[in-house]
C-alpha atoms as a PDB file:
ATOM      1  CA  MET A   1      41.222  60.770  32.738  1.00  0.00           C
ATOM      2  CA  THR A   2      38.491  59.408  29.822  1.00  0.00           C
ATOM      3  CA  ALA A   3      39.190  56.368  27.697  1.00  0.00           C
ATOM      4  CA  THR A   4      39.377  56.541  24.170  1.00  0.00           C
ATOM      5  CA  ARG A   5      38.644  53.909  21.651  1.00  0.00           C
ATOM      6  CA  PRO A   6      40.661  53.330  18.332  1.00  0.00           C
ATOM      7  CA  PRO A   7      39.512  55.486  15.466  1.00  0.00           C
ATOM      8  CA  ASN A   8      38.270  52.379  13.603  1.00  0.00           C
ATOM      9  CA  ARG A   9      36.476  50.670  16.179  1.00  0.00           C
ATOM     10  CA  ARG A  10      32.968  51.050  16.106  1.00  0.00           C
ATOM     11  CA  ASP A  11      31.141  51.110  19.508  1.00  0.00           C
ATOM     12  CA  ASP A  12      28.984  48.132  19.579  1.00  0.00           C
ATOM     13  CA  ALA A  13      26.662  49.610  22.064  1.00  0.00           C
ATOM     14  CA  ASP A  14      25.624  52.683  20.441  1.00  0.00           C
ATOM     15  CA  GLY A  15      22.561  50.436  19.038  1.00  0.00           C
ATOM     16  CA  ARG A  16      23.607  50.554  15.355  1.00  0.00           C
ATOM     17  CA  LEU A  17      23.244  47.733  13.330  1.00  0.00           C
ATOM     18  CA  GLY A  18      26.551  46.950  11.452  1.00  0.00           C
ATOM     19  CA  PRO A  19      27.462  44.267   8.674  1.00  0.00           C
ATOM     20  CA  THR A  20      27.691  40.800  10.091  1.00  0.00           C
ATOM     21  CA  ARG A  21      31.338  39.413  10.726  1.00  0.00           C
ATOM     22  CA  VAL A  22      32.899  36.735   9.493  1.00  0.00           C
ATOM     23  CA  ARG A  23      34.929  36.329  12.773  1.00  0.00           C
ATOM     24  CA  ASP A  24      31.498  35.809  14.667  1.00  0.00           C
ATOM     25  CA  LEU A  25      30.336  33.529  12.249  1.00  0.00           C
ATOM     26  CA  ALA A  26      33.539  31.534  12.509  1.00  0.00           C
ATOM     27  CA  TRP A  27      33.017  31.711  16.088  1.00  0.00           C
ATOM     28  CA  ILE A  28      29.580  30.567  16.049  1.00  0.00           C
ATOM     29  CA  THR A  29      30.495  27.888  13.261  1.00  0.00           C
ATOM     30  CA  LEU A  30      33.392  26.280  15.771  1.00  0.00           C
ATOM     31  CA  ALA A  31      30.633  26.084  19.038  1.00  0.00           C
ATOM     32  CA  ALA A  32      28.261  24.119  16.808  1.00  0.00           C
ATOM     33  CA  ALA A  33      31.057  21.733  15.719  1.00  0.00           C
ATOM     34  CA  ILE A  34      32.044  21.058  19.068  1.00  0.00           C
ATOM     35  CA  LEU A  35      28.396  20.436  20.385  1.00  0.00           C
ATOM     36  CA  ALA A  36      27.554  18.455  17.688  1.00  0.00           C
ATOM     37  CA  TRP A  37      30.821  16.344  18.198  1.00  0.00           C
ATOM     38  CA  VAL A  38      30.110  15.788  21.345  1.00  0.00           C
ATOM     39  CA  PHE A  39      26.635  14.836  20.915  1.00  0.00           C
ATOM     40  CA  VAL A  40      27.185  12.393  18.071  1.00  0.00           C
ATOM     41  CA  SER A  41      30.022  10.422  19.966  1.00  0.00           C
ATOM     42  CA  TYR A  42      27.392   9.708  22.694  1.00  0.00           C
ATOM     43  CA  ASN A  43      24.453   9.231  20.785  1.00  0.00           C
ATOM     44  CA  PHE A  44      25.450   7.640  17.283  1.00  0.00           C
ATOM     45  CA  GLY A  45      23.665   4.430  18.132  1.00  0.00           C
ATOM     46  CA  ASP A  46      20.500   6.125  18.767  1.00  0.00           C
ATOM     47  CA  LEU A  47      20.650   8.441  15.775  1.00  0.00           C
ATOM     48  CA  PRO A  48      18.959   7.364  12.590  1.00  0.00           C
ATOM     49  CA  THR A  49      20.678   7.412   8.672  1.00  0.00           C
ATOM     50  CA  ILE A  50      20.846  10.925   7.465  1.00  0.00           C
ATOM     51  CA  ALA A  51      19.238  10.952   4.302  1.00  0.00           C
ATOM     52  CA  TRP A  52      20.727  13.354   1.583  1.00  0.00           C
ATOM     53  CA  TYR A  53      17.430  15.229   1.264  1.00  0.00           C
ATOM     54  CA  THR A  54      17.456  16.519   4.576  1.00  0.00           C
ATOM     55  CA  SER A  55      20.162  18.938   4.360  1.00  0.00           C
ATOM     56  CA  ALA A  56      19.520  19.871   0.755  1.00  0.00           C
ATOM     57  CA  ALA A  57      16.952  22.617   1.857  1.00  0.00           C
ATOM     58  CA  LEU A  58      20.099  24.406   2.600  1.00  0.00           C
ATOM     59  CA  LEU A  59      21.130  24.754  -0.210  1.00  0.00           C
ATOM     60  CA  VAL A  60      17.819  25.693  -1.800  1.00  0.00           C
ATOM     61  CA  LEU A  61      17.308  28.482   0.794  1.00  0.00           C
ATOM     62  CA  ALA A  62      21.013  29.689  -0.339  1.00  0.00           C
ATOM     63  CA  VAL A  63      20.165  29.766  -4.031  1.00  0.00           C
ATOM     64  CA  LEU A  64      16.914  31.525  -2.999  1.00  0.00           C
ATOM     65  CA  GLU A  65      18.674  34.146  -1.028  1.00  0.00           C
ATOM     66  CA  ALA A  66      21.734  34.512  -3.644  1.00  0.00           C
ATOM     67  CA  ILE A  67      18.933  35.336  -6.499  1.00  0.00           C
ATOM     68  CA  ALA A  68      17.700  37.883  -3.926  1.00  0.00           C
ATOM     69  CA  GLY A  69      20.734  39.380  -3.651  1.00  0.00           C
ATOM     70  CA  PHE A  70      21.354  40.040  -7.356  1.00  0.00           C
ATOM     71  CA  ALA A  71      17.720  41.668  -7.649  1.00  0.00           C
ATOM     72  CA  VAL A  72      18.524  43.680  -4.658  1.00  0.00           C
ATOM     73  CA  ARG A  73      21.908  44.749  -5.862  1.00  0.00           C
ATOM     74  CA  ARG A  74      20.488  45.446  -9.372  1.00  0.00           C
ATOM     75  CA  ARG A  75      17.261  47.550  -8.109  1.00  0.00           C
ATOM     76  CA  VAL A  76      19.853  49.682  -5.454  1.00  0.00           C
ATOM     77  CA  THR A  77      22.635  50.118  -8.387  1.00  0.00           C
ATOM     78  CA  ASP A  78      20.043  51.379 -10.499  1.00  0.00           C
ATOM     79  CA  ASN A  79      18.409  53.597  -7.757  1.00  0.00           C
ATOM     80  CA  GLU A  80      14.985  51.908  -8.195  1.00  0.00           C
ATOM     81  CA  VAL A  81      14.776  52.285  -3.739  1.00  0.00           C
ATOM     82  CA  GLY A  82      11.737  53.887  -2.626  1.00  0.00           C
ATOM     83  CA  GLN A  83       7.967  54.450  -1.867  1.00  0.00           C
ATOM     84  CA  ASP A  84       6.694  54.025  -5.447  1.00  0.00           C
ATOM     85  CA  ARG A  85       4.788  51.189  -6.426  1.00  0.00           C
ATOM     86  CA  GLU A  86       7.218  50.458  -9.338  1.00  0.00           C
ATOM     87  CA  GLN A  87      10.314  50.215  -6.715  1.00  0.00           C
ATOM     88  CA  LEU A  88      11.813  48.442  -4.009  1.00  0.00           C
ATOM     89  CA  HIS A  89      10.361  49.620  -0.741  1.00  0.00           C
ATOM     90  CA  PRO A  90      13.086  50.267   2.050  1.00  0.00           C
ATOM     91  CA  VAL A  91      10.993  48.211   4.601  1.00  0.00           C
ATOM     92  CA  THR A  92      11.580  45.383   2.416  1.00  0.00           C
ATOM     93  CA  VAL A  93      15.228  45.900   2.095  1.00  0.00           C
ATOM     94  CA  ALA A  94      15.579  46.122   5.756  1.00  0.00           C
ATOM     95  CA  ARG A  95      13.618  42.674   6.441  1.00  0.00           C
ATOM     96  CA  LEU A  96      16.184  40.865   3.669  1.00  0.00           C
ATOM     97  CA  VAL A  97      18.872  42.537   6.039  1.00  0.00           C
ATOM     98  CA  ALA A  98      17.527  40.804   8.820  1.00  0.00           C
ATOM     99  CA  LEU A  99      16.849  37.407   6.635  1.00  0.00           C
ATOM    100  CA  ALA A 100      20.474  37.502   5.644  1.00  0.00           C
ATOM    101  CA  LYS A 101      21.901  37.939   9.337  1.00  0.00           C
ATOM    102  CA  ALA A 102      19.695  35.070  10.265  1.00  0.00           C
ATOM    103  CA  SER A 103      20.217  32.775   7.400  1.00  0.00           C
ATOM    104  CA  ALA A 104      24.269  33.725   7.854  1.00  0.00           C
ATOM    105  CA  ILE A 105      23.817  32.731  11.497  1.00  0.00           C
ATOM    106  CA  LEU A 106      21.828  29.825  10.746  1.00  0.00           C
ATOM    107  CA  GLY A 107      24.422  28.371   7.724  1.00  0.00           C
ATOM    108  CA  ALA A 108      27.280  28.820  10.514  1.00  0.00           C
ATOM    109  CA  VAL A 109      25.604  26.363  12.830  1.00  0.00           C
ATOM    110  CA  ALA A 110      24.524  23.947   9.924  1.00  0.00           C
ATOM    111  CA  ALA A 111      28.126  24.415   8.969  1.00  0.00           C
ATOM    112  CA  GLY A 112      29.490  23.515  11.785  1.00  0.00           C
ATOM    113  CA  ALA A 113      26.842  20.950  13.018  1.00  0.00           C
ATOM    114  CA  TRP A 114      26.929  19.014   9.762  1.00  0.00           C
ATOM    115  CA  GLY A 115      30.683  19.215   9.316  1.00  0.00           C
ATOM    116  CA  ALA A 116      31.333  18.155  12.788  1.00  0.00           C
ATOM    117  CA  ILE A 117      29.149  15.071  12.261  1.00  0.00           C
ATOM    118  CA  ALA A 118      30.597  14.449   9.007  1.00  0.00           C
ATOM    119  CA  LEU A 119      34.164  14.254  10.453  1.00  0.00           C
ATOM    120  CA  TYR A 120      32.584  11.522  13.044  1.00  0.00           C
ATOM    121  CA  LEU A 121      31.113   9.369  10.683  1.00  0.00           C
ATOM    122  CA  PHE A 122      34.561   9.625   8.308  1.00  0.00           C
ATOM    123  CA  ARG A 123      36.288   8.122  11.275  1.00  0.00           C
ATOM    124  CA  LEU A 124      34.359   4.964  11.395  1.00  0.00           C
ATOM    125  CA  GLN A 125      35.264   2.358   8.705  1.00  0.00           C
ATOM    126  CA  ASP A 126      33.176  -0.290   7.833  1.00  0.00           C
ATOM    127  CA  VAL A 127      29.846   0.621   9.847  1.00  0.00           C
ATOM    128  CA  ALA A 128      26.720   0.662   7.807  1.00  0.00           C
ATOM    129  CA  SER A 129      25.259   3.260   9.074  1.00  0.00           C
ATOM    130  CA  ALA A 130      27.826   5.748   9.078  1.00  0.00           C
ATOM    131  CA  ASN A 131      28.187   5.031   5.203  1.00  0.00           C
ATOM    132  CA  ALA A 132      24.668   5.575   4.472  1.00  0.00           C
ATOM    133  CA  SER A 133      24.700   8.707   6.625  1.00  0.00           C
ATOM    134  CA  LYS A 134      27.774  10.407   4.917  1.00  0.00           C
ATOM    135  CA  PRO A 135      26.294  11.801   1.549  1.00  0.00           C
ATOM    136  CA  GLY A 136      23.526  13.647   3.730  1.00  0.00           C
ATOM    137  CA  THR A 137      26.018  14.699   6.116  1.00  0.00           C
ATOM    138  CA  VAL A 138      28.245  16.243   3.250  1.00  0.00           C
ATOM    139  CA  ILE A 139      25.745  17.840   1.546  1.00  0.00           C
ATOM    140  CA  GLY A 140      24.552  19.673   4.680  1.00  0.00           C
ATOM    141  CA  THR A 141      28.111  20.865   5.519  1.00  0.00           C
ATOM    142  CA  LEU A 142      28.034  22.354   1.745  1.00  0.00           C
ATOM    143  CA  GLY A 143      24.789  23.730   2.056  1.00  0.00           C
ATOM    144  CA  GLY A 144      25.795  25.469   5.225  1.00  0.00           C
ATOM    145  CA  VAL A 145      28.594  27.121   3.908  1.00  0.00           C
ATOM    146  CA  THR A 146      26.873  27.816   0.894  1.00  0.00           C
ATOM    147  CA  LEU A 147      24.285  29.553   2.832  1.00  0.00           C
ATOM    148  CA  VAL A 148      26.638  31.554   4.880  1.00  0.00           C
ATOM    149  CA  VAL A 149      27.981  33.030   1.516  1.00  0.00           C
ATOM    150  CA  ALA A 150      24.807  33.801   0.065  1.00  0.00           C
ATOM    151  CA  ALA A 151      23.820  35.415   3.195  1.00  0.00           C
ATOM    152  CA  LEU A 152      26.302  37.630   3.231  1.00  0.00           C
ATOM    153  CA  TRP A 153      25.863  38.296  -0.462  1.00  0.00           C
ATOM    154  CA  LEU A 154      22.322  39.065  -0.034  1.00  0.00           C
ATOM    155  CA  GLU A 155      23.341  41.280   3.105  1.00  0.00           C
ATOM    156  CA  HIS A 156      26.040  43.069   1.127  1.00  0.00           C
ATOM    157  CA  SER A 157      23.319  43.936  -1.992  1.00  0.00           C
ATOM    158  CA  CYS A 158      21.343  45.745   0.488  1.00  0.00           C
ATOM    159  CA  LYS A 159      23.917  48.078   0.990  1.00  0.00           C
ATOM    160  CA  THR A 160      23.079  51.718  -0.392  1.00  0.00           C
ATOM    161  CA  PRO A 161      25.584  53.273  -2.301  1.00  0.00           C
ATOM    162  CA  ASP A 162      27.350  56.437  -0.793  1.00  0.00           C
ATOM    163  CA  ASP A 163      25.433  58.598   1.079  1.00  0.00           C
ATOM    164  CA  PRO A 164      25.874  62.788   0.749  1.00  0.00           C
ATOM    165  CA  THR A 165      27.883  64.272   3.490  1.00  0.00           C
ATOM    166  CA  GLU A 166      25.824  66.703   6.160  1.00  0.00           C
ATOM    167  CA  ASP A 167      26.699  69.638   3.691  1.00  0.00           C
ATOM    168  CA  GLY A 168      24.472  68.244   0.663  1.00  0.00           C
ATOM    169  CA  GLN A 169      27.793  66.959  -0.728  1.00  0.00           C
ATOM    170  CA  ALA A 170      28.129  63.545  -2.538  1.00  0.00           C
ATOM    171  CA  ALA A 171      30.754  61.518  -0.752  1.00  0.00           C
ATOM    172  CA  ASN A 172      34.101  61.143  -2.335  1.00  0.00           C
ATOM    173  CA  ALA A 173      36.042  57.946  -1.264  1.00  0.00           C
ATOM    174  CA  ASP A 174      39.105  59.398  -3.202  1.00  0.00           C
ATOM    175  CA  ALA A 175      39.530  62.186  -1.039  1.00  0.00           C
ATOM    176  CA  ALA A 176      40.691  60.863   2.224  1.00  0.00           C
END
């Protein structure tokens, strides 16, 4: 008796790289939030004030990745990916996919951690150090979420159009 897998389910052990799953990013965000909450609840008195510009770097990364996503999407759509000098090299696209996957994970960790710290600080009333750190944690949370969205966009932009089938015919998405 052999075990069969559902027809729409991909075997993760086959070695192929698939798209980043939002579900996985949600679990990473939750784990980072729990760890950050525990850390800040035990160490709040020893933490320095969080300045707004310390977490703004995530927003800068998100903007750069979104711009790269639009540029890559245009080149892929215009069929300008190849090995000519004027074309976008396929290895560059693969590197951008790796950057997008890593950035999505970084954004998920940052959103979870900064979000948990922000929630902890907003629970505290009339604490000067907490009030001074609130803008930095909110910007960090927004930066993490924005980085996840930009990274997913960049990853999506690196997808190739429908590949031809094995017999050389173009794949038709309407014929199912």
